[in-house]
Each structure stands twice: as structure tokens, then as C-alpha cells.
Amino acid sequence: MPLQDHFRPPLSLRRHWHAFHNAWATYISSELNQRLPPGYFAEANVQFGIEIDVASFEEPGPPSIGGAPQTGTWTPPKPALSIPISLITDAVEVLVFQSEGGPTLAGAIELLSPANRDRPAHRAAFVAKCVFYLQQAVGVVVVDVVTSRLANLHAELLTQLTSASPTQPDADLYVAAYRPVERDGQSNLDVWHEALEVGRSLPTMPLWLRGDLCLPIELESTYDRTCREQRVSLNGV
């Protein structure tokens, strides 16, 4: 099934893109779990509009513990500084964990949503999350099929990680894979990049996990399965 435009008519009027992304993440994790060796597992993590859930709302009156009023006499001082920040509002990702000694993140596949692209602060928050993963030696794959917002988070990520100008193609739609690796005493970031286009098939990309394990992410087969399961045909019906 060639890539379709899930964010603009006619398909956007007939199907909800967030339901499609939810299912796509689920099928990617299902396929990964069939390939992963013992000691690893993949989970889909899909959340929309999560900034309300993760933020603390200041209530009038004394601070509380677990919802109950704080009974001690100690009161925290006023903060030295209070500045606005931006939190990630959408997360559509497949996380791969190594289970030995407790689940440890080993790899991540990120499916971009319009909210990840819609304003500079949201783009910066998404890039910061990817940078954090990569600096923890976690391999990352970013899939951007959003047609309703114009931004290249791949270029912003490379700019954040290096002072050199990005040399990868400046494509509106793309998939990129990133591998943090130690080579000859130097930390390096290996990058794979493929431009995407509506009406064309999707590539297979490498997902590098901590421990030097690499798995193929077959985007075409999982996308095709999602279209079939969600009853999305070439004409969007």
C-alpha cells in the first residue's frame, strides 16, 4: 500500500489520523516482538494532549501531600525563578526495552503528530526528547508523514547535536534512523535518511538497540496491515 495523506482531504474527512497512528504503532510493536530475542520486548505508547496530565496545577492554600493538606509547620520558600516551558503534548511511539534487571529503554520509534510540528516550543520539546534518548545510547527512528504542518525536525535534531550544518536532504516527509556508537574512542551518531512521498511505498529502516543489536523496521508491511485492519483503501474509503 503506497503512503497516503492522512492529514488532508479527502482521507482526513473519512478517517481519524490519530486512530490510524495508534494502530500503526501497535502493529509495529507486534512485529518487533516477533523478531526480538529473549530478554527484549516492545510496547506501543500513544498519548494525545498529555500536557494537562503531566503538569501540576497550583491550588490556593498550603501545599498538600497525596491530596491531603500538609500538617507540618515547614513551608517551601518562593521559587527563585518561574519561567514558561513547553511540554510534549502528543506521544506516538514504540519503545523497546531490555528486561534483564528491570525494564531498560533500548530503542524508540517515534511517529510524528501535527502537534509535534505546530510551534517552535513543541518542536524543541520533541527534539529534546530524542536528544536525551540518543545521549543515553538509545537508538531512535523518526517517521514523519505529517502533511498539514511544515517543519523538518530531522534538521533541527542534527543542529541540536552538532555545530555542523545538516547534510541530509531537506524533505518535508521522511524517515530517519539514528545510531549512537563509540568508534575508535570517539562518540559518533550514524544517520540513515529516506525521503518519503505520498503515493510511494515506505522503506525498511534499521533500529539499533543498546548492546549493538539491529532490527529491520519494515514500515511498508506494517503500514499495509494498518490500512487493511482500519479498512483504508487507495481511494480513502
Protein backbone atom coordinates (compact mmCIF):
# COMPACT_ATOMS: atom_id res chain seq x y z
CA MET A 1 0.00 0.00 0.00
CA PRO A 2 1.59 3.33 -1.00
CA LEU A 3 1.71 6.13 1.55
CA GLN A 4 -1.50 8.18 1.71
CA ASP A 5 -2.19 11.67 3.05
CA HIS A 6 -3.93 11.10 6.39
CA PHE A 7 -3.97 14.78 7.36
CA ARG A 8 -5.78 16.45 4.44
CA PRO A 9 -8.97 15.75 2.47
CA PRO A 10 -10.32 13.52 1.20
CA LEU A 11 -8.89 10.89 3.57
CA SER A 12 -8.83 13.17 6.63
CA LEU A 13 -12.61 13.62 6.28
CA ARG A 14 -13.21 9.87 6.26
CA ARG A 15 -10.74 8.57 8.83
CA HIS A 16 -9.18 9.90 12.05
CA TRP A 17 -5.39 10.15 11.66
CA HIS A 18 -4.84 9.59 15.40
CA ALA A 19 -6.68 6.27 15.30
CA PHE A 20 -4.53 5.22 12.34
CA HIS A 21 -1.30 6.22 14.11
CA ASN A 22 -2.43 4.37 17.22
CA ALA A 23 -2.99 1.19 15.24
CA TRP A 24 0.23 1.61 13.25
CA ALA A 25 2.29 1.88 16.44
CA THR A 26 0.56 -1.24 17.78
CA TYR A 27 1.34 -3.29 14.67
CA ILE A 28 4.96 -2.12 14.61
CA SER A 29 5.38 -3.25 18.22
CA SER A 30 3.66 -6.56 17.42
CA GLU A 31 6.04 -7.24 14.53
CA LEU A 32 9.04 -6.27 16.66
CA ASN A 33 8.01 -8.67 19.41
CA GLN A 34 8.14 -11.50 16.86
CA ARG A 35 11.72 -10.57 15.94
CA LEU A 36 13.24 -9.53 19.27
CA PRO A 37 15.48 -12.04 21.05
CA PRO A 38 14.69 -13.23 24.59
CA GLY A 39 15.16 -10.51 27.17
CA TYR A 40 13.65 -7.75 24.99
CA PHE A 41 10.09 -6.58 24.44
CA ALA A 42 8.36 -3.76 22.56
CA GLU A 43 5.41 -1.64 23.73
CA ALA A 44 3.35 0.98 21.94
CA ASN A 45 2.94 4.23 23.87
CA VAL A 46 0.28 6.50 22.39
CA GLN A 47 -0.96 9.59 24.22
CA PHE A 48 -2.61 12.72 22.89
CA GLY A 49 -3.00 16.03 24.70
CA ILE A 50 -0.87 14.84 27.62
CA GLU A 51 0.31 18.26 28.80
CA ILE A 52 -2.71 18.54 31.13
CA ASP A 53 -1.93 15.19 32.75
CA VAL A 54 1.78 15.69 33.40
CA ALA A 55 1.63 19.25 34.74
CA SER A 56 0.94 20.16 38.35
CA PHE A 57 -1.74 22.78 38.87
CA GLU A 58 -1.17 25.18 41.73
CA GLU A 59 -4.06 25.27 44.14
CA PRO A 60 -4.78 28.03 46.67
CA GLY A 61 -3.84 27.29 50.26
CA PRO A 62 -0.95 25.33 51.81
CA PRO A 63 0.86 22.58 49.87
CA SER A 64 -0.53 19.05 50.15
CA ILE A 65 0.90 15.53 50.29
CA GLY A 66 -1.04 12.94 48.33
CA GLY A 67 -4.03 15.26 48.18
CA ALA A 68 -4.16 15.79 51.95
CA PRO A 69 -3.24 19.17 53.50
CA GLN A 70 0.33 19.34 54.73
CA THR A 71 0.17 19.36 58.56
CA GLY A 72 3.80 20.28 59.35
CA THR A 73 4.96 23.79 60.03
CA TRP A 74 7.51 23.88 57.21
CA THR A 75 6.52 25.84 54.12
CA PRO A 76 8.65 25.78 50.98
CA PRO A 77 10.14 29.15 50.04
CA LYS A 78 9.06 31.00 46.93
CA PRO A 79 10.94 29.85 43.82
CA ALA A 80 13.95 31.88 42.80
CA LEU A 81 12.67 31.85 39.22
CA SER A 82 9.49 30.84 37.39
CA ILE A 83 9.67 30.65 33.61
CA PRO A 84 7.32 29.24 30.94
CA ILE A 85 8.25 25.88 29.45
CA SER A 86 6.70 23.69 26.77
CA LEU A 87 5.80 20.05 27.42
CA ILE A 88 5.31 17.36 24.80
CA THR A 89 1.60 17.27 24.00
CA ASP A 90 1.50 14.12 21.82
CA ALA A 91 3.47 10.89 22.03
CA VAL A 92 3.07 8.19 19.38
CA GLU A 93 5.96 5.83 19.84
CA VAL A 94 7.10 2.24 20.06
CA LEU A 95 9.56 1.67 22.89
CA VAL A 96 11.84 -1.37 23.03
CA PHE A 97 13.01 -2.45 26.47
CA GLN A 98 15.67 -4.84 27.71
CA SER A 99 14.09 -6.68 30.62
CA GLU A 100 17.18 -8.02 32.40
CA GLY A 101 17.50 -6.35 35.81
CA GLY A 102 14.29 -4.40 35.25
CA PRO A 103 12.99 -2.79 32.04
CA THR A 104 15.64 -0.52 30.50
CA LEU A 105 14.93 1.51 27.37
CA ALA A 106 16.95 0.16 24.44
CA GLY A 107 15.32 1.75 21.37
CA ALA A 108 12.50 4.05 20.27
CA ILE A 109 10.41 4.58 17.14
CA GLU A 110 8.68 7.95 17.01
CA LEU A 111 5.68 8.64 14.74
CA LEU A 112 5.31 12.40 14.47
CA SER A 113 1.93 14.07 15.00
CA PRO A 114 0.83 17.56 13.90
CA ALA A 115 1.25 18.80 17.49
CA ASN A 116 4.95 17.85 17.44
CA ARG A 117 5.39 20.22 14.50
CA ASP A 118 2.94 23.03 15.14
CA ARG A 119 5.06 25.57 17.05
CA PRO A 120 8.73 26.13 17.86
CA ALA A 121 8.34 25.22 21.53
CA HIS A 122 6.69 21.89 20.71
CA ARG A 123 9.36 21.10 18.14
CA ALA A 124 12.05 21.92 20.67
CA ALA A 125 10.41 19.63 23.25
CA PHE A 126 10.29 16.72 20.79
CA VAL A 127 13.90 17.26 19.69
CA ALA A 128 14.99 17.43 23.35
CA LYS A 129 13.38 14.03 23.99
CA CYS A 130 15.21 12.48 21.03
CA VAL A 131 18.49 14.07 22.11
CA PHE A 132 18.04 12.61 25.60
CA TYR A 133 17.45 9.13 24.15
CA LEU A 134 20.49 9.35 21.87
CA GLN A 135 22.76 10.62 24.63
CA GLN A 136 21.73 7.55 26.64
CA ALA A 137 22.93 5.33 23.74
CA VAL A 138 19.33 4.52 22.76
CA GLY A 139 18.77 4.05 19.02
CA VAL A 140 15.94 6.13 17.54
CA VAL A 141 13.83 6.02 14.38
CA VAL A 142 11.68 9.05 13.48
CA VAL A 143 8.83 8.68 10.99
CA ASP A 144 7.31 11.93 9.70
CA VAL A 145 4.30 11.60 7.38
CA VAL A 146 2.55 14.78 8.60
CA THR A 147 1.45 16.88 5.60
CA SER A 148 -0.55 19.50 7.49
CA ARG A 149 2.44 21.27 9.09
CA LEU A 150 5.72 22.31 7.51
CA ALA A 151 8.79 21.69 9.65
CA ASN A 152 11.85 19.46 9.46
CA LEU A 153 12.57 18.06 12.90
CA HIS A 154 15.36 15.91 11.48
CA ALA A 155 17.32 19.03 10.57
CA GLU A 156 16.54 20.58 13.96
CA LEU A 157 17.75 17.43 15.71
CA LEU A 158 21.05 17.40 13.83
CA THR A 159 21.53 21.10 14.52
CA GLN A 160 20.97 20.42 18.23
CA LEU A 161 23.51 17.60 18.26
CA THR A 162 26.27 19.14 16.18
CA SER A 163 27.52 22.56 15.18
CA ALA A 164 27.91 21.37 11.59
CA SER A 165 25.18 22.14 9.08
CA PRO A 166 22.89 19.18 8.34
CA THR A 167 23.85 17.45 5.10
CA GLN A 168 20.78 15.27 4.77
CA PRO A 169 18.08 16.06 2.17
CA ASP A 170 15.62 18.74 3.25
CA ALA A 171 12.46 16.66 2.75
CA ASP A 172 9.06 17.58 4.20
CA LEU A 173 8.22 13.88 4.71
CA TYR A 174 10.92 11.46 5.73
CA VAL A 175 12.05 8.62 7.94
CA ALA A 176 15.39 8.81 9.74
CA ALA A 177 17.28 6.30 11.87
CA TYR A 178 19.93 7.28 14.40
CA ARG A 179 22.59 5.08 16.00
CA PRO A 180 24.83 6.38 18.80
CA VAL A 181 28.08 4.42 18.59
CA GLU A 182 31.58 4.51 20.07
CA ARG A 183 34.17 4.18 17.33
CA ASP A 184 37.96 4.49 17.81
CA GLY A 185 37.49 6.28 21.12
CA GLN A 186 35.09 8.81 19.59
CA SER A 187 31.32 9.04 20.12
CA ASN A 188 29.55 9.17 16.77
CA LEU A 189 25.98 9.36 15.50
CA ASP A 190 25.30 7.21 12.44
CA VAL A 191 22.32 8.52 10.46
CA TRP A 192 20.11 6.89 7.84
CA HIS A 193 17.63 9.13 6.00
CA GLU A 194 14.98 8.39 3.38
CA ALA A 195 12.64 10.98 1.84
CA LEU A 196 9.00 9.90 1.76
CA GLU A 197 6.34 10.82 -0.76
CA VAL A 198 2.58 10.36 -0.84
CA GLY A 199 1.76 7.69 -3.39
CA ARG A 200 5.03 5.79 -2.95
CA SER A 201 5.96 2.78 -0.85
CA LEU A 202 7.70 3.03 2.51
CA PRO A 203 11.28 1.82 3.14
CA THR A 204 12.78 -0.58 5.66
CA MET A 205 14.97 1.19 8.23
CA PRO A 206 17.42 -0.06 10.87
CA LEU A 207 16.61 0.24 14.57
CA TRP A 208 19.81 -0.04 16.60
CA LEU A 209 19.32 -1.14 20.18
CA ARG A 210 21.66 -0.74 23.09
CA GLY A 211 24.02 -3.71 23.02
CA ASP A 212 24.73 -3.44 19.27
CA LEU A 213 21.59 -5.29 18.19
CA CYS A 214 19.97 -4.13 14.94
CA LEU A 215 16.46 -4.91 13.73
CA PRO A 216 14.79 -4.05 10.41
CA ILE A 217 11.73 -1.80 10.77
CA GLU A 218 9.57 -2.80 7.83
CA LEU A 219 7.37 0.25 7.56
CA GLU A 220 5.69 -0.89 4.33
CA SER A 221 4.35 -4.17 5.76
CA THR A 222 3.10 -2.61 9.00
CA TYR A 223 1.55 0.33 7.12
CA ASP A 224 -0.17 -2.07 4.73
CA ARG A 225 -1.53 -4.10 7.66
CA THR A 226 -2.81 -0.93 9.34
CA CYS A 227 -4.60 0.12 6.15
CA ARG A 228 -6.22 -3.31 5.85
CA GLU A 229 -7.23 -3.53 9.51
CA GLN A 230 -8.55 0.05 9.52
CA ARG A 231 -10.30 -0.50 6.17
CA VAL A 232 -8.43 2.29 4.43
CA SER A 233 -8.23 1.69 0.68
CA LEU A 234 -6.39 3.61 -2.02
CA ASN A 235 -9.36 5.92 -2.53
CA GLY A 236 -9.65 6.54 1.22
CA VAL A 237 -13.00 4.74 1.66
